[in-house]
Amino acid sequence: MEKYIPIITKQYSCKVSVDDIVYIRQHEKKLNIVTEAESYSYYEKMDNVIDCLDDRFYRVMKRLVVNLDKVTMVREQQIHFDNGEEIYLGKDNYIKAKQRYTAHLRGLDK
């Protein structure tokens, strides 16, 4: 069964497949879900969507979760994604993210 995150706003209601998510970022009270095709922004708490995610997703910091399957490279304090986007990280978060991504690539995180 396909997992998805329901998005409900005043303008629309839809479901976003977990497989399509590149990353999720919390900005103030809004949650931004970025997929390869589109971005969704709505009022929600990060903790409410974490339960819908699986072990491909890594919480880099309190307000950022990335899909490790959509990462192409982690280098020079940046995460590079399949869709061409990049996210800069602080040194500590970068080191942890790089270690987790390396384990993911080696299949050690299963």
PDB file of N, CA and C in Angstrom:
ATOM      1  N   MET A   1       0.837  -1.185   0.000  1.00  0.00           N
ATOM      2  CA  MET A   1       0.000   0.000   0.000  1.00  0.00           C
ATOM      3  C   MET A   1       0.883   1.250   0.000  1.00  0.00           C
ATOM      4  N   GLU A   2       0.547   2.183  -0.846  1.00  0.00           N
ATOM      5  CA  GLU A   2       1.324   3.411  -0.976  1.00  0.00           C
ATOM      6  C   GLU A   2       1.094   4.313   0.236  1.00  0.00           C
ATOM      7  N   LYS A   3       2.193   4.817   0.789  1.00  0.00           N
ATOM      8  CA  LYS A   3       2.097   5.769   1.892  1.00  0.00           C
ATOM      9  C   LYS A   3       2.015   7.175   1.305  1.00  0.00           C
ATOM     10  N   TYR A   4       1.253   8.013   1.964  1.00  0.00           N
ATOM     11  CA  TYR A   4       1.138   9.393   1.500  1.00  0.00           C
ATOM     12  C   TYR A   4       0.904  10.329   2.684  1.00  0.00           C
ATOM     13  N   ILE A   5       1.129  11.606   2.427  1.00  0.00           N
ATOM     14  CA  ILE A   5       0.873  12.647   3.413  1.00  0.00           C
ATOM     15  C   ILE A   5      -0.316  13.465   2.903  1.00  0.00           C
ATOM     16  N   PRO A   6      -1.379  13.560   3.689  1.00  0.00           N
ATOM     17  CA  PRO A   6      -2.515  14.384   3.266  1.00  0.00           C
ATOM     18  C   PRO A   6      -2.208  15.869   3.485  1.00  0.00           C
ATOM     19  N   ILE A   7      -2.541  16.664   2.498  1.00  0.00           N
ATOM     20  CA  ILE A   7      -2.370  18.117   2.606  1.00  0.00           C
ATOM     21  C   ILE A   7      -3.740  18.750   2.435  1.00  0.00           C
ATOM     22  N   ILE A   8      -4.148  19.485   3.461  1.00  0.00           N
ATOM     23  CA  ILE A   8      -5.469  20.107   3.453  1.00  0.00           C
ATOM     24  C   ILE A   8      -5.312  21.599   3.746  1.00  0.00           C
ATOM     25  N   THR A   9      -5.717  22.414   2.795  1.00  0.00           N
ATOM     26  CA  THR A   9      -5.671  23.865   2.956  1.00  0.00           C
ATOM     27  C   THR A   9      -7.051  24.422   2.604  1.00  0.00           C
ATOM     28  N   LYS A  10      -7.213  25.734   2.703  1.00  0.00           N
ATOM     29  CA  LYS A  10      -8.461  26.362   2.295  1.00  0.00           C
ATOM     30  C   LYS A  10      -8.658  26.269   0.783  1.00  0.00           C
ATOM     31  N   GLN A  11      -7.554  26.279   0.033  1.00  0.00           N
ATOM     32  CA  GLN A  11      -7.622  26.277  -1.419  1.00  0.00           C
ATOM     33  C   GLN A  11      -7.772  24.872  -2.023  1.00  0.00           C
ATOM     34  N   TYR A  12      -7.166  23.875  -1.410  1.00  0.00           N
ATOM     35  CA  TYR A  12      -7.175  22.530  -1.994  1.00  0.00           C
ATOM     36  C   TYR A  12      -6.901  21.460  -0.943  1.00  0.00           C
ATOM     37  N   SER A  13      -7.218  20.235  -1.324  1.00  0.00           N
ATOM     38  CA  SER A  13      -6.870  19.049  -0.541  1.00  0.00           C
ATOM     39  C   SER A  13      -6.235  18.057  -1.501  1.00  0.00           C
ATOM     40  N   CYS A  14      -5.151  17.429  -1.082  1.00  0.00           N
ATOM     41  CA  CYS A  14      -4.497  16.449  -1.937  1.00  0.00           C
ATOM     42  C   CYS A  14      -3.672  15.499  -1.095  1.00  0.00           C
ATOM     43  N   LYS A  15      -3.121  14.489  -1.743  1.00  0.00           N
ATOM     44  CA  LYS A  15      -2.209  13.602  -1.048  1.00  0.00           C
ATOM     45  C   LYS A  15      -0.899  13.569  -1.822  1.00  0.00           C
ATOM     46  N   VAL A  16       0.205  13.573  -1.067  1.00  0.00           N
ATOM     47  CA  VAL A  16       1.539  13.548  -1.651  1.00  0.00           C
ATOM     48  C   VAL A  16       2.167  12.209  -1.317  1.00  0.00           C
ATOM     49  N   SER A  17       2.563  11.495  -2.341  1.00  0.00           N
ATOM     50  CA  SER A  17       3.203  10.198  -2.141  1.00  0.00           C
ATOM     51  C   SER A  17       4.541  10.379  -1.425  1.00  0.00           C
ATOM     52  N   VAL A  18       4.773   9.558  -0.432  1.00  0.00           N
ATOM     53  CA  VAL A  18       6.039   9.613   0.320  1.00  0.00           C
ATOM     54  C   VAL A  18       7.216   9.351  -0.632  1.00  0.00           C
ATOM     55  N   ASP A  19       7.017   8.509  -1.644  1.00  0.00           N
ATOM     56  CA  ASP A  19       8.081   8.191  -2.603  1.00  0.00           C
ATOM     57  C   ASP A  19       8.543   9.408  -3.396  1.00  0.00           C
ATOM     58  N   ASP A  20       7.672  10.403  -3.559  1.00  0.00           N
ATOM     59  CA  ASP A  20       7.990  11.587  -4.365  1.00  0.00           C
ATOM     60  C   ASP A  20       8.674  12.700  -3.577  1.00  0.00           C
ATOM     61  N   ILE A  21       8.688  12.612  -2.261  1.00  0.00           N
ATOM     62  CA  ILE A  21       9.208  13.696  -1.428  1.00  0.00           C
ATOM     63  C   ILE A  21      10.730  13.761  -1.505  1.00  0.00           C
ATOM     64  N   VAL A  22      11.248  14.961  -1.766  1.00  0.00           N
ATOM     65  CA  VAL A  22      12.689  15.218  -1.775  1.00  0.00           C
ATOM     66  C   VAL A  22      13.117  15.633  -0.366  1.00  0.00           C
ATOM     67  N   TYR A  23      12.435  16.641   0.178  1.00  0.00           N
ATOM     68  CA  TYR A  23      12.683  17.046   1.559  1.00  0.00           C
ATOM     69  C   TYR A  23      11.472  17.779   2.112  1.00  0.00           C
ATOM     70  N   ILE A  24      11.456  17.885   3.436  1.00  0.00           N
ATOM     71  CA  ILE A  24      10.404  18.611   4.141  1.00  0.00           C
ATOM     72  C   ILE A  24      11.089  19.607   5.063  1.00  0.00           C
ATOM     73  N   ARG A  25      10.648  20.851   4.986  1.00  0.00           N
ATOM     74  CA  ARG A  25      11.257  21.899   5.813  1.00  0.00           C
ATOM     75  C   ARG A  25      10.166  22.693   6.523  1.00  0.00           C
ATOM     76  N   GLN A  26      10.361  22.913   7.808  1.00  0.00           N
ATOM     77  CA  GLN A  26       9.444  23.733   8.606  1.00  0.00           C
ATOM     78  C   GLN A  26       9.956  25.165   8.574  1.00  0.00           C
ATOM     79  N   HIS A  27       9.059  26.098   8.235  1.00  0.00           N
ATOM     80  CA  HIS A  27       9.404  27.519   8.270  1.00  0.00           C
ATOM     81  C   HIS A  27       8.313  28.226   9.052  1.00  0.00           C
ATOM     82  N   GLU A  28       8.672  28.665  10.252  1.00  0.00           N
ATOM     83  CA  GLU A  28       7.715  29.226  11.192  1.00  0.00           C
ATOM     84  C   GLU A  28       6.606  28.204  11.411  1.00  0.00           C
ATOM     85  N   LYS A  29       5.353  28.525  11.113  1.00  0.00           N
ATOM     86  CA  LYS A  29       4.266  27.570  11.352  1.00  0.00           C
ATOM     87  C   LYS A  29       3.893  26.766  10.113  1.00  0.00           C
ATOM     88  N   LYS A  30       4.538  27.057   8.992  1.00  0.00           N
ATOM     89  CA  LYS A  30       4.215  26.361   7.748  1.00  0.00           C
ATOM     90  C   LYS A  30       5.214  25.244   7.471  1.00  0.00           C
ATOM     91  N   LEU A  31       4.682  24.175   6.923  1.00  0.00           N
ATOM     92  CA  LEU A  31       5.490  23.047   6.505  1.00  0.00           C
ATOM     93  C   LEU A  31       5.606  23.102   4.991  1.00  0.00           C
ATOM     94  N   ASN A  32       6.816  23.010   4.479  1.00  0.00           N
ATOM     95  CA  ASN A  32       7.048  23.009   3.039  1.00  0.00           C
ATOM     96  C   ASN A  32       7.482  21.606   2.629  1.00  0.00           C
ATOM     97  N   ILE A  33       6.665  20.958   1.820  1.00  0.00           N
ATOM     98  CA  ILE A  33       6.992  19.635   1.300  1.00  0.00           C
ATOM     99  C   ILE A  33       7.413  19.820  -0.149  1.00  0.00           C
ATOM    100  N   VAL A  34       8.651  19.456  -0.449  1.00  0.00           N
ATOM    101  CA  VAL A  34       9.195  19.626  -1.789  1.00  0.00           C
ATOM    102  C   VAL A  34       9.286  18.252  -2.454  1.00  0.00           C
ATOM    103  N   THR A  35       8.651  18.132  -3.615  1.00  0.00           N
ATOM    104  CA  THR A  35       8.744  16.918  -4.412  1.00  0.00           C
ATOM    105  C   THR A  35       9.513  17.259  -5.680  1.00  0.00           C
ATOM    106  N   GLU A  36       9.748  16.256  -6.514  1.00  0.00           N
ATOM    107  CA  GLU A  36      10.454  16.524  -7.765  1.00  0.00           C
ATOM    108  C   GLU A  36       9.621  17.391  -8.696  1.00  0.00           C
ATOM    109  N   ALA A  37       8.296  17.305  -8.589  1.00  0.00           N
ATOM    110  CA  ALA A  37       7.414  18.034  -9.501  1.00  0.00           C
ATOM    111  C   ALA A  37       6.872  19.336  -8.939  1.00  0.00           C
ATOM    112  N   GLU A  38       6.690  19.407  -7.612  1.00  0.00           N
ATOM    113  CA  GLU A  38       5.974  20.540  -7.039  1.00  0.00           C
ATOM    114  C   GLU A  38       6.366  20.764  -5.582  1.00  0.00           C
ATOM    115  N   SER A  39       6.022  21.936  -5.086  1.00  0.00           N
ATOM    116  CA  SER A  39       6.208  22.252  -3.667  1.00  0.00           C
ATOM    117  C   SER A  39       4.846  22.566  -3.061  1.00  0.00           C
ATOM    118  N   TYR A  40       4.653  22.114  -1.833  1.00  0.00           N
ATOM    119  CA  TYR A  40       3.399  22.339  -1.113  1.00  0.00           C
ATOM    120  C   TYR A  40       3.722  23.050   0.187  1.00  0.00           C
ATOM    121  N   SER A  41       2.923  24.031   0.530  1.00  0.00           N
ATOM    122  CA  SER A  41       3.135  24.783   1.754  1.00  0.00           C
ATOM    123  C   SER A  41       1.801  24.883   2.485  1.00  0.00           C
ATOM    124  N   TYR A  42       1.797  24.442   3.737  1.00  0.00           N
ATOM    125  CA  TYR A  42       0.558  24.487   4.503  1.00  0.00           C
ATOM    126  C   TYR A  42       0.881  24.488   5.992  1.00  0.00           C
ATOM    127  N   TYR A  43      -0.096  24.830   6.797  1.00  0.00           N
ATOM    128  CA  TYR A  43       0.089  24.901   8.239  1.00  0.00           C
ATOM    129  C   TYR A  43       0.007  23.502   8.834  1.00  0.00           C
ATOM    130  N   GLU A  44       1.124  23.049   9.386  1.00  0.00           N
ATOM    131  CA  GLU A  44       1.208  21.731  10.000  1.00  0.00           C
ATOM    132  C   GLU A  44       2.480  21.664  10.833  1.00  0.00           C
ATOM    133  N   LYS A  45       2.497  20.759  11.781  1.00  0.00           N
ATOM    134  CA  LYS A  45       3.689  20.544  12.601  1.00  0.00           C
ATOM    135  C   LYS A  45       4.496  19.385  12.028  1.00  0.00           C
ATOM    136  N   MET A  46       5.797  19.518  12.069  1.00  0.00           N
ATOM    137  CA  MET A  46       6.685  18.482  11.545  1.00  0.00           C
ATOM    138  C   MET A  46       6.406  17.128  12.207  1.00  0.00           C
ATOM    139  N   ASP A  47       6.194  17.139  13.516  1.00  0.00           N
ATOM    140  CA  ASP A  47       5.976  15.885  14.241  1.00  0.00           C
ATOM    141  C   ASP A  47       4.745  15.135  13.743  1.00  0.00           C
ATOM    142  N   ASN A  48       3.782  15.835  13.185  1.00  0.00           N
ATOM    143  CA  ASN A  48       2.567  15.181  12.680  1.00  0.00           C
ATOM    144  C   ASN A  48       2.798  14.413  11.381  1.00  0.00           C
ATOM    145  N   VAL A  49       3.828  14.774  10.599  1.00  0.00           N
ATOM    146  CA  VAL A  49       4.091  14.062   9.345  1.00  0.00           C
ATOM    147  C   VAL A  49       5.212  13.032   9.476  1.00  0.00           C
ATOM    148  N   ILE A  50       6.023  13.142  10.502  1.00  0.00           N
ATOM    149  CA  ILE A  50       7.137  12.213  10.702  1.00  0.00           C
ATOM    150  C   ILE A  50       6.644  10.765  10.747  1.00  0.00           C
ATOM    151  N   ASP A  51       5.486  10.550  11.339  1.00  0.00           N
ATOM    152  CA  ASP A  51       4.942   9.189  11.457  1.00  0.00           C
ATOM    153  C   ASP A  51       4.620   8.558  10.101  1.00  0.00           C
ATOM    154  N   CYS A  52       4.430   9.354   9.081  1.00  0.00           N
ATOM    155  CA  CYS A  52       4.112   8.845   7.745  1.00  0.00           C
ATOM    156  C   CYS A  52       5.366   8.429   6.971  1.00  0.00           C
ATOM    157  N   LEU A  53       6.531   8.760   7.486  1.00  0.00           N
ATOM    158  CA  LEU A  53       7.781   8.530   6.764  1.00  0.00           C
ATOM    159  C   LEU A  53       8.446   7.229   7.190  1.00  0.00           C
ATOM    160  N   ASP A  54       9.349   6.727   6.341  1.00  0.00           N
ATOM    161  CA  ASP A  54      10.055   5.486   6.652  1.00  0.00           C
ATOM    162  C   ASP A  54      11.555   5.732   6.826  1.00  0.00           C
ATOM    163  N   ASP A  55      12.354   4.673   6.825  1.00  0.00           N
ATOM    164  CA  ASP A  55      13.779   4.802   7.134  1.00  0.00           C
ATOM    165  C   ASP A  55      14.615   5.462   6.042  1.00  0.00           C
ATOM    166  N   ARG A  56      14.023   5.762   4.895  1.00  0.00           N
ATOM    167  CA  ARG A  56      14.741   6.534   3.866  1.00  0.00           C
ATOM    168  C   ARG A  56      14.914   7.982   4.277  1.00  0.00           C
ATOM    169  N   PHE A  57      14.103   8.423   5.228  1.00  0.00           N
ATOM    170  CA  PHE A  57      14.083   9.824   5.626  1.00  0.00           C
ATOM    171  C   PHE A  57      14.936  10.027   6.867  1.00  0.00           C
ATOM    172  N   TYR A  58      15.714  11.113   6.833  1.00  0.00           N
ATOM    173  CA  TYR A  58      16.607  11.434   7.939  1.00  0.00           C
ATOM    174  C   TYR A  58      16.326  12.856   8.399  1.00  0.00           C
ATOM    175  N   ARG A  59      16.117  12.999   9.686  1.00  0.00           N
ATOM    176  CA  ARG A  59      15.868  14.321  10.262  1.00  0.00           C
ATOM    177  C   ARG A  59      17.214  14.975  10.546  1.00  0.00           C
ATOM    178  N   VAL A  60      17.637  15.814   9.623  1.00  0.00           N
ATOM    179  CA  VAL A  60      18.933  16.482   9.702  1.00  0.00           C
ATOM    180  C   VAL A  60      18.978  17.441  10.882  1.00  0.00           C
ATOM    181  N   MET A  61      17.885  18.150  11.068  1.00  0.00           N
ATOM    182  CA  MET A  61      17.733  19.042  12.208  1.00  0.00           C
ATOM    183  C   MET A  61      16.252  19.138  12.529  1.00  0.00           C
ATOM    184  N   LYS A  62      15.912  19.842  13.564  1.00  0.00           N
ATOM    185  CA  LYS A  62      14.527  19.895  14.033  1.00  0.00           C
ATOM    186  C   LYS A  62      13.544  20.283  12.934  1.00  0.00           C
ATOM    187  N   ARG A  63      13.962  21.164  12.052  1.00  0.00           N
ATOM    188  CA  ARG A  63      13.058  21.700  11.033  1.00  0.00           C
ATOM    189  C   ARG A  63      13.363  21.221   9.611  1.00  0.00           C
ATOM    190  N   LEU A  64      14.136  20.142   9.468  1.00  0.00           N
ATOM    191  CA  LEU A  64      14.477  19.644   8.128  1.00  0.00           C
ATOM    192  C   LEU A  64      14.588  18.127   8.118  1.00  0.00           C
ATOM    193  N   VAL A  65      13.841  17.515   7.194  1.00  0.00           N
ATOM    194  CA  VAL A  65      13.899  16.073   6.968  1.00  0.00           C
ATOM    195  C   VAL A  65      14.196  15.863   5.489  1.00  0.00           C
ATOM    196  N   VAL A  66      15.182  15.010   5.176  1.00  0.00           N
ATOM    197  CA  VAL A  66      15.533  14.747   3.779  1.00  0.00           C
ATOM    198  C   VAL A  66      15.295  13.279   3.433  1.00  0.00           C
ATOM    199  N   ASN A  67      14.962  13.047   2.179  1.00  0.00           N
ATOM    200  CA  ASN A  67      14.817  11.704   1.644  1.00  0.00           C
ATOM    201  C   ASN A  67      16.191  11.300   1.115  1.00  0.00           C
ATOM    202  N   LEU A  68      16.845  10.370   1.774  1.00  0.00           N
ATOM    203  CA  LEU A  68      18.201   9.977   1.401  1.00  0.00           C
ATOM    204  C   LEU A  68      18.265   9.365   0.003  1.00  0.00           C
ATOM    205  N   ASP A  69      17.159   8.801  -0.481  1.00  0.00           N
ATOM    206  CA  ASP A  69      17.127   8.253  -1.840  1.00  0.00           C
ATOM    207  C   ASP A  69      17.177   9.345  -2.901  1.00  0.00           C
ATOM    208  N   LYS A  70      16.839  10.573  -2.534  1.00  0.00           N
ATOM    209  CA  LYS A  70      16.829  11.692  -3.481  1.00  0.00           C
ATOM    210  C   LYS A  70      18.109  12.539  -3.400  1.00  0.00           C
ATOM    211  N   VAL A  71      19.029  12.173  -2.516  1.00  0.00           N
ATOM    212  CA  VAL A  71      20.291  12.892  -2.361  1.00  0.00           C
ATOM    213  C   VAL A  71      21.289  12.345  -3.379  1.00  0.00           C
ATOM    214  N   THR A  72      21.974  13.243  -4.076  1.00  0.00           N
ATOM    215  CA  THR A  72      23.012  12.799  -5.012  1.00  0.00           C
ATOM    216  C   THR A  72      24.398  12.912  -4.399  1.00  0.00           C
ATOM    217  N   MET A  73      24.586  13.889  -3.501  1.00  0.00           N
ATOM    218  CA  MET A  73      25.904  14.097  -2.918  1.00  0.00           C
ATOM    219  C   MET A  73      25.796  14.924  -1.640  1.00  0.00           C
ATOM    220  N   VAL A  74      26.690  14.623  -0.705  1.00  0.00           N
ATOM    221  CA  VAL A  74      26.823  15.435   0.508  1.00  0.00           C
ATOM    222  C   VAL A  74      28.284  15.862   0.556  1.00  0.00           C
ATOM    223  N   ARG A  75      28.515  17.174   0.396  1.00  0.00           N
ATOM    224  CA  ARG A  75      29.900  17.651   0.399  1.00  0.00           C
ATOM    225  C   ARG A  75      29.938  19.149   0.685  1.00  0.00           C
ATOM    226  N   GLU A  76      31.040  19.566   1.293  1.00  0.00           N
ATOM    227  CA  GLU A  76      31.298  20.976   1.582  1.00  0.00           C
ATOM    228  C   GLU A  76      30.120  21.647   2.282  1.00  0.00           C
ATOM    229  N   GLN A  77      29.591  20.972   3.308  1.00  0.00           N
ATOM    230  CA  GLN A  77      28.486  21.466   4.124  1.00  0.00           C
ATOM    231  C   GLN A  77      27.205  21.688   3.338  1.00  0.00           C
ATOM    232  N   GLN A  78      27.017  20.929   2.250  1.00  0.00           N
ATOM    233  CA  GLN A  78      25.815  21.029   1.437  1.00  0.00           C
ATOM    234  C   GLN A  78      25.256  19.642   1.158  1.00  0.00           C
ATOM    235  N   ILE A  79      23.930  19.572   1.051  1.00  0.00           N
ATOM    236  CA  ILE A  79      23.266  18.377   0.555  1.00  0.00           C
ATOM    237  C   ILE A  79      22.763  18.714  -0.841  1.00  0.00           C
ATOM    238  N   HIS A  80      23.133  17.900  -1.822  1.00  0.00           N
ATOM    239  CA  HIS A  80      22.717  18.088  -3.211  1.00  0.00           C
ATOM    240  C   HIS A  80      21.660  17.046  -3.541  1.00  0.00           C
ATOM    241  N   PHE A  81      20.564  17.482  -4.167  1.00  0.00           N
ATOM    242  CA  PHE A  81      19.452  16.598  -4.479  1.00  0.00           C
ATOM    243  C   PHE A  81      19.340  16.332  -5.977  1.00  0.00           C
ATOM    244  N   ASP A  82      18.609  15.272  -6.319  1.00  0.00           N
ATOM    245  CA  ASP A  82      18.355  14.898  -7.719  1.00  0.00           C
ATOM    246  C   ASP A  82      17.764  16.050  -8.529  1.00  0.00           C
ATOM    247  N   ASN A  83      16.913  16.859  -7.901  1.00  0.00           N
ATOM    248  CA  ASN A  83      16.222  17.934  -8.625  1.00  0.00           C
ATOM    249  C   ASN A  83      17.081  19.193  -8.790  1.00  0.00           C
ATOM    250  N   GLY A  84      18.343  19.138  -8.374  1.00  0.00           N
ATOM    251  CA  GLY A  84      19.262  20.260  -8.550  1.00  0.00           C
ATOM    252  C   GLY A  84      19.329  21.218  -7.373  1.00  0.00           C
ATOM    253  N   GLU A  85      18.463  21.052  -6.396  1.00  0.00           N
ATOM    254  CA  GLU A  85      18.477  21.930  -5.228  1.00  0.00           C
ATOM    255  C   GLU A  85      19.626  21.553  -4.296  1.00  0.00           C
ATOM    256  N   GLU A  86      20.035  22.534  -3.507  1.00  0.00           N
ATOM    257  CA  GLU A  86      21.084  22.334  -2.511  1.00  0.00           C
ATOM    258  C   GLU A  86      20.638  22.971  -1.205  1.00  0.00           C
ATOM    259  N   ILE A  87      21.033  22.346  -0.101  1.00  0.00           N
ATOM    260  CA  ILE A  87      20.750  22.902   1.218  1.00  0.00           C
ATOM    261  C   ILE A  87      22.064  22.976   1.979  1.00  0.00           C
ATOM    262  N   TYR A  88      22.349  24.154   2.519  1.00  0.00           N
ATOM    263  CA  TYR A  88      23.559  24.354   3.319  1.00  0.00           C
ATOM    264  C   TYR A  88      23.283  23.964   4.761  1.00  0.00           C
ATOM    265  N   LEU A  89      24.269  23.335   5.393  1.00  0.00           N
ATOM    266  CA  LEU A  89      24.137  22.899   6.781  1.00  0.00           C
ATOM    267  C   LEU A  89      25.265  23.455   7.627  1.00  0.00           C
ATOM    268  N   GLY A  90      25.000  23.578   8.923  1.00  0.00           N
ATOM    269  CA  GLY A  90      26.050  23.914   9.863  1.00  0.00           C
ATOM    270  C   GLY A  90      27.002  22.733   9.986  1.00  0.00           C
ATOM    271  N   LYS A  91      28.163  22.963  10.546  1.00  0.00           N
ATOM    272  CA  LYS A  91      29.205  21.935  10.590  1.00  0.00           C
ATOM    273  C   LYS A  91      28.755  20.653  11.294  1.00  0.00           C
ATOM    274  N   ASP A  92      28.154  20.767  12.469  1.00  0.00           N
ATOM    275  CA  ASP A  92      27.737  19.576  13.220  1.00  0.00           C
ATOM    276  C   ASP A  92      26.662  18.791  12.472  1.00  0.00           C
ATOM    277  N   ASN A  93      25.666  19.491  11.954  1.00  0.00           N
ATOM    278  CA  ASN A  93      24.606  18.822  11.204  1.00  0.00           C
ATOM    279  C   ASN A  93      25.150  18.201   9.919  1.00  0.00           C
ATOM    280  N   TYR A  94      26.111  18.864   9.299  1.00  0.00           N
ATOM    281  CA  TYR A  94      26.723  18.337   8.079  1.00  0.00           C
ATOM    282  C   TYR A  94      27.441  17.022   8.363  1.00  0.00           C
ATOM    283  N   ILE A  95      28.218  16.981   9.428  1.00  0.00           N
ATOM    284  CA  ILE A  95      28.966  15.767   9.764  1.00  0.00           C
ATOM    285  C   ILE A  95      28.016  14.595  10.017  1.00  0.00           C
ATOM    286  N   LYS A  96      26.957  14.831  10.780  1.00  0.00           N
ATOM    287  CA  LYS A  96      25.972  13.772  11.066  1.00  0.00           C
ATOM    288  C   LYS A  96      25.244  13.348   9.792  1.00  0.00           C
ATOM    289  N   ALA A  97      24.869  14.306   8.954  1.00  0.00           N
ATOM    290  CA  ALA A  97      24.166  13.985   7.709  1.00  0.00           C
ATOM    291  C   ALA A  97      25.064  13.188   6.771  1.00  0.00           C
ATOM    292  N   LYS A  98      26.324  13.550   6.701  1.00  0.00           N
ATOM    293  CA  LYS A  98      27.261  12.831   5.829  1.00  0.00           C
ATOM    294  C   LYS A  98      27.442  11.399   6.317  1.00  0.00           C
ATOM    295  N   GLN A  99      27.571  11.210   7.621  1.00  0.00           N
ATOM    296  CA  GLN A  99      27.701   9.861   8.179  1.00  0.00           C
ATOM    297  C   GLN A  99      26.460   9.028   7.890  1.00  0.00           C
ATOM    298  N   ARG A 100      25.294   9.613   8.067  1.00  0.00           N
ATOM    299  CA  ARG A 100      24.033   8.887   7.841  1.00  0.00           C
ATOM    300  C   ARG A 100      23.865   8.562   6.366  1.00  0.00           C
ATOM    301  N   TYR A 101      24.217   9.488   5.475  1.00  0.00           N
ATOM    302  CA  TYR A 101      24.111   9.249   4.032  1.00  0.00           C
ATOM    303  C   TYR A 101      25.088   8.156   3.602  1.00  0.00           C
ATOM    304  N   THR A 102      26.288   8.174   4.136  1.00  0.00           N
ATOM    305  CA  THR A 102      27.279   7.140   3.823  1.00  0.00           C
ATOM    306  C   THR A 102      26.760   5.768   4.249  1.00  0.00           C
ATOM    307  N   ALA A 103      26.180   5.684   5.433  1.00  0.00           N
ATOM    308  CA  ALA A 103      25.608   4.418   5.902  1.00  0.00           C
ATOM    309  C   ALA A 103      24.449   3.989   4.993  1.00  0.00           C
ATOM    310  N   HIS A 104      23.659   4.944   4.553  1.00  0.00           N
ATOM    311  CA  HIS A 104      22.547   4.653   3.646  1.00  0.00           C
ATOM    312  C   HIS A 104      23.053   4.080   2.338  1.00  0.00           C
ATOM    313  N   LEU A 105      24.103   4.678   1.788  1.00  0.00           N
ATOM    314  CA  LEU A 105      24.677   4.205   0.519  1.00  0.00           C
ATOM    315  C   LEU A 105      25.233   2.789   0.655  1.00  0.00           C
ATOM    316  N   ARG A 106      25.804   2.491   1.797  1.00  0.00           N
ATOM    317  CA  ARG A 106      26.387   1.165   2.043  1.00  0.00           C
ATOM    318  C   ARG A 106      25.348   0.137   2.478  1.00  0.00           C
ATOM    319  N   GLY A 107      24.126   0.586   2.682  1.00  0.00           N
ATOM    320  CA  GLY A 107      23.072  -0.328   3.092  1.00  0.00           C
ATOM    321  C   GLY A 107      23.135  -0.715   4.552  1.00  0.00           C
ATOM    322  N   LEU A 108      23.842   0.086   5.358  1.00  0.00           N
ATOM    323  CA  LEU A 108      24.018  -0.224   6.782  1.00  0.00           C
ATOM    324  C   LEU A 108      22.885   0.302   7.640  1.00  0.00           C
ATOM    325  N   ASP A 109      22.001   1.092   7.067  1.00  0.00           N
ATOM    326  CA  ASP A 109      20.926   1.710   7.856  1.00  0.00           C
ATOM    327  C   ASP A 109      19.646   0.883   7.852  1.00  0.00           C
ATOM    328  N   LYS A 110      19.684  -0.279   7.303  1.00  0.00           N
ATOM    329  CA  LYS A 110      18.472  -1.122   7.232  1.00  0.00           C
ATOM    330  C   LYS A 110      18.203  -1.806   8.544  1.00  0.00           C
TER     331      LYS A 110
END
